[in-house]
Amino acid sequence: MKRRADGAVEVEEDALDMLASVIGHLRGPGEVRAFLEDLCTPAELEAMTDRWRVVPLLAQGIPYREIHERTHVSVTTIGRVARTIERGAGGYGQALKRSRVRAA
């Protein structure tokens, strides 16, 4: 991602497509985990896992405060994930449908 002169963030589509393709070609959770651990900092991994942990709970209609109590993820992050579920590209919903993840 690059910051434009006007302050907006721009993603290089070709680079993002290449990254998505690489992830799509990995075989199984072990390979994906190893790739993510190499690619991301511990803080980035924590942020991503926090976001994903709240997705199944939001899908069940559990209130933000209860999700926070169960997961210790900030209410701000929970709200951000909820907005992305509503207005995003549909990735959370698709991943949730394909996963066997159950709420914590």
C-alpha atoms as a PDB file:
ATOM      1  CA  MET A   1       0.000   0.000   0.000  1.00  0.00           C
ATOM      2  CA  LYS A   2       1.149   3.460  -0.737  1.00  0.00           C
ATOM      3  CA  ARG A   3      -0.064   6.764   0.618  1.00  0.00           C
ATOM      4  CA  ARG A   4      -1.123   9.200  -2.087  1.00  0.00           C
ATOM      5  CA  ALA A   5      -0.481  12.924  -1.912  1.00  0.00           C
ATOM      6  CA  ASP A   6      -4.076  13.466  -0.745  1.00  0.00           C
ATOM      7  CA  GLY A   7      -3.520  11.069   2.190  1.00  0.00           C
ATOM      8  CA  ALA A   8      -5.622   8.202   0.818  1.00  0.00           C
ATOM      9  CA  VAL A   9      -4.142   4.727   0.822  1.00  0.00           C
ATOM     10  CA  GLU A  10      -3.707   3.004  -2.502  1.00  0.00           C
ATOM     11  CA  VAL A  11      -3.134  -0.714  -2.986  1.00  0.00           C
ATOM     12  CA  GLU A  12      -1.199  -1.851  -6.007  1.00  0.00           C
ATOM     13  CA  GLU A  13      -3.736  -4.229  -7.548  1.00  0.00           C
ATOM     14  CA  ASP A  14      -1.156  -6.403  -9.306  1.00  0.00           C
ATOM     15  CA  ALA A  15       0.811  -6.902  -6.097  1.00  0.00           C
ATOM     16  CA  LEU A  16      -2.340  -7.696  -4.117  1.00  0.00           C
ATOM     17  CA  ASP A  17      -3.471 -10.140  -6.796  1.00  0.00           C
ATOM     18  CA  MET A  18      -0.056 -11.826  -6.692  1.00  0.00           C
ATOM     19  CA  LEU A  19      -0.203 -12.143  -2.897  1.00  0.00           C
ATOM     20  CA  ALA A  20      -3.745 -13.547  -3.053  1.00  0.00           C
ATOM     21  CA  SER A  21      -2.636 -16.045  -5.679  1.00  0.00           C
ATOM     22  CA  VAL A  22       0.312 -17.197  -3.572  1.00  0.00           C
ATOM     23  CA  ILE A  23      -1.935 -17.709  -0.540  1.00  0.00           C
ATOM     24  CA  GLY A  24      -4.454 -19.542  -2.702  1.00  0.00           C
ATOM     25  CA  HIS A  25      -1.804 -21.993  -3.842  1.00  0.00           C
ATOM     26  CA  LEU A  26      -0.615 -22.918  -0.355  1.00  0.00           C
ATOM     27  CA  ARG A  27      -1.723 -26.346   0.817  1.00  0.00           C
ATOM     28  CA  GLY A  28      -3.369 -26.562   4.162  1.00  0.00           C
ATOM     29  CA  PRO A  29      -3.350 -24.561   7.361  1.00  0.00           C
ATOM     30  CA  GLY A  30       0.259 -25.456   8.201  1.00  0.00           C
ATOM     31  CA  GLU A  31       1.653 -23.909   5.037  1.00  0.00           C
ATOM     32  CA  VAL A  32      -0.588 -20.863   5.364  1.00  0.00           C
ATOM     33  CA  ARG A  33       0.464 -20.375   8.984  1.00  0.00           C
ATOM     34  CA  ALA A  34       4.175 -20.636   8.128  1.00  0.00           C
ATOM     35  CA  PHE A  35       3.725 -18.131   5.295  1.00  0.00           C
ATOM     36  CA  LEU A  36       1.834 -15.689   7.523  1.00  0.00           C
ATOM     37  CA  GLU A  37       4.440 -15.979  10.278  1.00  0.00           C
ATOM     38  CA  ASP A  38       7.167 -15.144   7.756  1.00  0.00           C
ATOM     39  CA  LEU A  39       5.175 -12.360   6.099  1.00  0.00           C
ATOM     40  CA  CYS A  40       3.727 -10.563   9.123  1.00  0.00           C
ATOM     41  CA  THR A  41       5.015  -9.087  12.342  1.00  0.00           C
ATOM     42  CA  PRO A  42       3.679 -10.513  15.607  1.00  0.00           C
ATOM     43  CA  ALA A  43       1.540  -7.373  16.012  1.00  0.00           C
ATOM     44  CA  GLU A  44       0.060  -7.784  12.526  1.00  0.00           C
ATOM     45  CA  LEU A  45      -0.730 -11.441  13.222  1.00  0.00           C
ATOM     46  CA  GLU A  46      -2.386 -10.495  16.503  1.00  0.00           C
ATOM     47  CA  ALA A  47      -4.496  -7.831  14.788  1.00  0.00           C
ATOM     48  CA  MET A  48      -5.611 -10.238  12.060  1.00  0.00           C
ATOM     49  CA  THR A  49      -6.401 -13.047  14.472  1.00  0.00           C
ATOM     50  CA  ASP A  50      -8.336 -10.655  16.716  1.00  0.00           C
ATOM     51  CA  ARG A  51     -10.437  -9.568  13.737  1.00  0.00           C
ATOM     52  CA  TRP A  52     -11.092 -13.126  12.635  1.00  0.00           C
ATOM     53  CA  ARG A  53     -11.994 -14.304  16.161  1.00  0.00           C
ATOM     54  CA  VAL A  54     -14.926 -11.888  16.307  1.00  0.00           C
ATOM     55  CA  VAL A  55     -16.371 -12.741  12.863  1.00  0.00           C
ATOM     56  CA  PRO A  56     -18.231 -15.924  13.936  1.00  0.00           C
ATOM     57  CA  LEU A  57     -19.530 -14.180  17.045  1.00  0.00           C
ATOM     58  CA  LEU A  58     -20.842 -11.237  15.041  1.00  0.00           C
ATOM     59  CA  ALA A  59     -22.430 -13.662  12.579  1.00  0.00           C
ATOM     60  CA  GLN A  60     -24.322 -15.188  15.522  1.00  0.00           C
ATOM     61  CA  GLY A  61     -25.610 -11.742  16.515  1.00  0.00           C
ATOM     62  CA  ILE A  62     -23.749 -11.614  19.811  1.00  0.00           C
ATOM     63  CA  PRO A  63     -23.569  -8.063  21.236  1.00  0.00           C
ATOM     64  CA  TYR A  64     -20.262  -6.195  21.029  1.00  0.00           C
ATOM     65  CA  ARG A  65     -19.791  -6.032  24.807  1.00  0.00           C
ATOM     66  CA  GLU A  66     -20.251  -9.778  25.174  1.00  0.00           C
ATOM     67  CA  ILE A  67     -17.785 -10.391  22.335  1.00  0.00           C
ATOM     68  CA  HIS A  68     -15.332  -8.108  24.118  1.00  0.00           C
ATOM     69  CA  GLU A  69     -15.807 -10.000  27.385  1.00  0.00           C
ATOM     70  CA  ARG A  70     -15.237 -13.363  25.668  1.00  0.00           C
ATOM     71  CA  THR A  71     -12.304 -12.375  23.467  1.00  0.00           C
ATOM     72  CA  HIS A  72     -10.786  -9.242  25.054  1.00  0.00           C
ATOM     73  CA  VAL A  73     -10.796  -7.690  21.558  1.00  0.00           C
ATOM     74  CA  SER A  74     -11.521  -3.962  21.745  1.00  0.00           C
ATOM     75  CA  VAL A  75     -15.049  -2.770  21.065  1.00  0.00           C
ATOM     76  CA  THR A  76     -13.555  -0.428  18.443  1.00  0.00           C
ATOM     77  CA  THR A  77     -12.064  -3.380  16.544  1.00  0.00           C
ATOM     78  CA  ILE A  78     -15.305  -5.323  16.875  1.00  0.00           C
ATOM     79  CA  GLY A  79     -17.222  -2.385  15.400  1.00  0.00           C
ATOM     80  CA  ARG A  80     -14.704  -2.043  12.583  1.00  0.00           C
ATOM     81  CA  VAL A  81     -15.088  -5.736  11.706  1.00  0.00           C
ATOM     82  CA  ALA A  82     -18.881  -5.439  11.835  1.00  0.00           C
ATOM     83  CA  ARG A  83     -18.787  -2.497   9.394  1.00  0.00           C
ATOM     84  CA  THR A  84     -16.503  -4.462   7.088  1.00  0.00           C
ATOM     85  CA  ILE A  85     -18.870  -7.439   7.175  1.00  0.00           C
ATOM     86  CA  GLU A  86     -21.699  -5.090   6.151  1.00  0.00           C
ATOM     87  CA  ARG A  87     -19.878  -2.958   3.579  1.00  0.00           C
ATOM     88  CA  GLY A  88     -16.707  -4.812   2.648  1.00  0.00           C
ATOM     89  CA  ALA A  89     -15.791  -7.017  -0.285  1.00  0.00           C
ATOM     90  CA  GLY A  90     -17.545 -10.083   1.153  1.00  0.00           C
ATOM     91  CA  GLY A  91     -14.376 -11.885   2.147  1.00  0.00           C
ATOM     92  CA  TYR A  92     -15.309 -12.443   5.783  1.00  0.00           C
ATOM     93  CA  GLY A  93     -18.653 -13.964   4.809  1.00  0.00           C
ATOM     94  CA  GLN A  94     -17.125 -16.212   2.175  1.00  0.00           C
ATOM     95  CA  ALA A  95     -14.391 -17.372   4.534  1.00  0.00           C
ATOM     96  CA  LEU A  96     -16.930 -18.031   7.267  1.00  0.00           C
ATOM     97  CA  LYS A  97     -19.069 -20.135   4.912  1.00  0.00           C
ATOM     98  CA  ARG A  98     -16.070 -22.221   3.862  1.00  0.00           C
ATOM     99  CA  SER A  99     -14.553 -22.645   7.302  1.00  0.00           C
ATOM    100  CA  ARG A 100     -15.485 -24.950  10.100  1.00  0.00           C
ATOM    101  CA  VAL A 101     -14.883 -22.183  12.650  1.00  0.00           C
ATOM    102  CA  ARG A 102     -17.251 -22.080  15.554  1.00  0.00           C
ATOM    103  CA  ALA A 103     -17.549 -19.206  17.996  1.00  0.00           C
ATOM    104  CA  ALA A 104     -15.334 -19.234  21.067  1.00  0.00           C
END
